[in-house]
């Protein structure tokens, strides 16, 4: 399995960002081949983190591309700073 993690800082309205992600982005993630799981988390203090899990690297890379497009087209005013993006093979899980 592979995962992609995106950390957003300076989120201006976490509740609205969560609503838009849940209604618009989650359905996009579910369509990516190899989809396993997606989580959007409010870490507090204007920080939100997304984690996407896929069966293979191609799915994780596709999620990064789709996230970039979705943020640009739908969340730019709520997520004003570029995210820190990390991706890699899942080497331990429960």
C-alpha atoms as a PDB file:
ATOM      1  CA  UNK A   1       0.000   0.000   0.000  1.00  0.00           C
ATOM      2  CA  UNK A   2       0.967   3.624  -0.525  1.00  0.00           C
ATOM      3  CA  UNK A   3      -0.172   6.767   1.261  1.00  0.00           C
ATOM      4  CA  UNK A   4      -0.134  10.477   0.553  1.00  0.00           C
ATOM      5  CA  UNK A   5      -0.273  13.021   3.379  1.00  0.00           C
ATOM      6  CA  UNK A   6      -0.965  16.714   2.837  1.00  0.00           C
ATOM      7  CA  UNK A   7      -0.651  19.276   5.661  1.00  0.00           C
ATOM      8  CA  UNK A   8      -2.375  22.632   5.186  1.00  0.00           C
ATOM      9  CA  UNK A   9      -1.569  25.598   7.442  1.00  0.00           C
ATOM     10  CA  UNK A  10      -3.396  28.913   7.717  1.00  0.00           C
ATOM     11  CA  UNK A  11      -6.841  27.432   7.023  1.00  0.00           C
ATOM     12  CA  UNK A  12      -9.259  30.341   7.274  1.00  0.00           C
ATOM     13  CA  UNK A  13     -12.507  28.386   7.897  1.00  0.00           C
ATOM     14  CA  UNK A  14     -11.961  24.757   8.944  1.00  0.00           C
ATOM     15  CA  UNK A  15     -15.685  23.925   9.110  1.00  0.00           C
ATOM     16  CA  UNK A  16     -16.318  25.135   5.559  1.00  0.00           C
ATOM     17  CA  UNK A  17     -13.176  23.431   4.286  1.00  0.00           C
ATOM     18  CA  UNK A  18     -14.352  20.166   5.869  1.00  0.00           C
ATOM     19  CA  UNK A  19     -17.789  20.516   4.297  1.00  0.00           C
ATOM     20  CA  UNK A  20     -16.378  21.128   0.828  1.00  0.00           C
ATOM     21  CA  UNK A  21     -13.877  18.285   1.127  1.00  0.00           C
ATOM     22  CA  UNK A  22     -16.556  15.894   2.337  1.00  0.00           C
ATOM     23  CA  UNK A  23     -19.064  16.851  -0.361  1.00  0.00           C
ATOM     24  CA  UNK A  24     -16.708  17.377  -3.293  1.00  0.00           C
ATOM     25  CA  UNK A  25     -13.310  15.806  -2.803  1.00  0.00           C
ATOM     26  CA  UNK A  26     -14.154  12.548  -1.021  1.00  0.00           C
ATOM     27  CA  UNK A  27     -16.226  11.310  -3.995  1.00  0.00           C
ATOM     28  CA  UNK A  28     -13.260  12.068  -6.297  1.00  0.00           C
ATOM     29  CA  UNK A  29     -10.903  10.035  -4.106  1.00  0.00           C
ATOM     30  CA  UNK A  30     -13.257   7.058  -4.065  1.00  0.00           C
ATOM     31  CA  UNK A  31     -13.046   6.936  -7.881  1.00  0.00           C
ATOM     32  CA  UNK A  32      -9.240   6.643  -8.004  1.00  0.00           C
ATOM     33  CA  UNK A  33      -8.201   3.080  -8.889  1.00  0.00           C
ATOM     34  CA  UNK A  34      -6.769   1.258  -5.892  1.00  0.00           C
ATOM     35  CA  UNK A  35      -8.534   3.487  -3.337  1.00  0.00           C
ATOM     36  CA  UNK A  36      -8.385   2.123   0.224  1.00  0.00           C
ATOM     37  CA  UNK A  37      -9.171   5.038   2.586  1.00  0.00           C
ATOM     38  CA  UNK A  38      -9.257   8.829   2.912  1.00  0.00           C
ATOM     39  CA  UNK A  39      -9.165  10.972   6.064  1.00  0.00           C
ATOM     40  CA  UNK A  40      -9.431  14.763   6.510  1.00  0.00           C
ATOM     41  CA  UNK A  41      -8.476  15.924   9.939  1.00  0.00           C
ATOM     42  CA  UNK A  42      -8.693  19.201  11.821  1.00  0.00           C
ATOM     43  CA  UNK A  43      -5.495  19.460  13.879  1.00  0.00           C
ATOM     44  CA  UNK A  44      -6.543  22.821  15.347  1.00  0.00           C
ATOM     45  CA  UNK A  45      -4.986  26.280  15.101  1.00  0.00           C
ATOM     46  CA  UNK A  46      -5.698  26.543  11.362  1.00  0.00           C
ATOM     47  CA  UNK A  47      -3.982  23.268  10.497  1.00  0.00           C
ATOM     48  CA  UNK A  48      -5.743  20.521   8.536  1.00  0.00           C
ATOM     49  CA  UNK A  49      -4.248  17.260   7.313  1.00  0.00           C
ATOM     50  CA  UNK A  50      -5.428  14.801   4.689  1.00  0.00           C
ATOM     51  CA  UNK A  51      -4.311  11.205   4.369  1.00  0.00           C
ATOM     52  CA  UNK A  52      -5.076   9.095   1.312  1.00  0.00           C
ATOM     53  CA  UNK A  53      -4.305   5.367   1.197  1.00  0.00           C
ATOM     54  CA  UNK A  54      -4.117   3.343  -2.012  1.00  0.00           C
ATOM     55  CA  UNK A  55      -3.138  -0.147  -3.068  1.00  0.00           C
ATOM     56  CA  UNK A  56      -0.322   1.175  -5.266  1.00  0.00           C
ATOM     57  CA  UNK A  57       1.930   4.152  -5.938  1.00  0.00           C
ATOM     58  CA  UNK A  58      -0.081   5.232  -9.008  1.00  0.00           C
ATOM     59  CA  UNK A  59      -3.179   5.779  -6.876  1.00  0.00           C
ATOM     60  CA  UNK A  60      -1.290   7.820  -4.300  1.00  0.00           C
ATOM     61  CA  UNK A  61       0.239   9.979  -7.034  1.00  0.00           C
ATOM     62  CA  UNK A  62      -3.171  10.457  -8.663  1.00  0.00           C
ATOM     63  CA  UNK A  63      -4.575  11.592  -5.316  1.00  0.00           C
ATOM     64  CA  UNK A  64      -1.870  14.277  -5.048  1.00  0.00           C
ATOM     65  CA  UNK A  65      -2.745  15.563  -8.515  1.00  0.00           C
ATOM     66  CA  UNK A  66      -6.487  15.557  -7.831  1.00  0.00           C
ATOM     67  CA  UNK A  67      -5.985  17.289  -4.484  1.00  0.00           C
ATOM     68  CA  UNK A  68      -3.972  20.053  -6.098  1.00  0.00           C
ATOM     69  CA  UNK A  69      -6.654  20.612  -8.739  1.00  0.00           C
ATOM     70  CA  UNK A  70      -9.500  20.506  -6.210  1.00  0.00           C
ATOM     71  CA  UNK A  71      -7.839  22.984  -3.862  1.00  0.00           C
ATOM     72  CA  UNK A  72      -7.062  25.350  -6.735  1.00  0.00           C
ATOM     73  CA  UNK A  73     -10.621  25.172  -8.096  1.00  0.00           C
ATOM     74  CA  UNK A  74     -12.642  25.015  -4.863  1.00  0.00           C
ATOM     75  CA  UNK A  75     -10.646  25.837  -1.726  1.00  0.00           C
ATOM     76  CA  UNK A  76      -8.075  28.476  -2.639  1.00  0.00           C
ATOM     77  CA  UNK A  77      -9.612  31.123  -0.365  1.00  0.00           C
ATOM     78  CA  UNK A  78      -9.842  28.697   2.577  1.00  0.00           C
ATOM     79  CA  UNK A  79      -6.412  27.077   2.128  1.00  0.00           C
ATOM     80  CA  UNK A  80      -4.226  30.060   1.197  1.00  0.00           C
ATOM     81  CA  UNK A  81      -0.843  28.373   1.724  1.00  0.00           C
ATOM     82  CA  UNK A  82       0.612  25.543  -0.347  1.00  0.00           C
ATOM     83  CA  UNK A  83       0.523  22.239   1.515  1.00  0.00           C
ATOM     84  CA  UNK A  84       3.414  20.156   2.715  1.00  0.00           C
ATOM     85  CA  UNK A  85       3.040  16.942   0.701  1.00  0.00           C
ATOM     86  CA  UNK A  86       4.543  13.588   1.611  1.00  0.00           C
ATOM     87  CA  UNK A  87       3.957  10.230  -0.051  1.00  0.00           C
ATOM     88  CA  UNK A  88       5.432   6.790   0.241  1.00  0.00           C
ATOM     89  CA  UNK A  89       5.023   3.114   0.787  1.00  0.00           C
ATOM     90  CA  UNK A  90       3.153   2.021   3.895  1.00  0.00           C
ATOM     91  CA  UNK A  91       5.654  -0.110   5.788  1.00  0.00           C
ATOM     92  CA  UNK A  92       3.592  -0.820   8.919  1.00  0.00           C
ATOM     93  CA  UNK A  93      -0.132  -0.778   9.621  1.00  0.00           C
ATOM     94  CA  UNK A  94      -2.783  -2.151  11.964  1.00  0.00           C
END
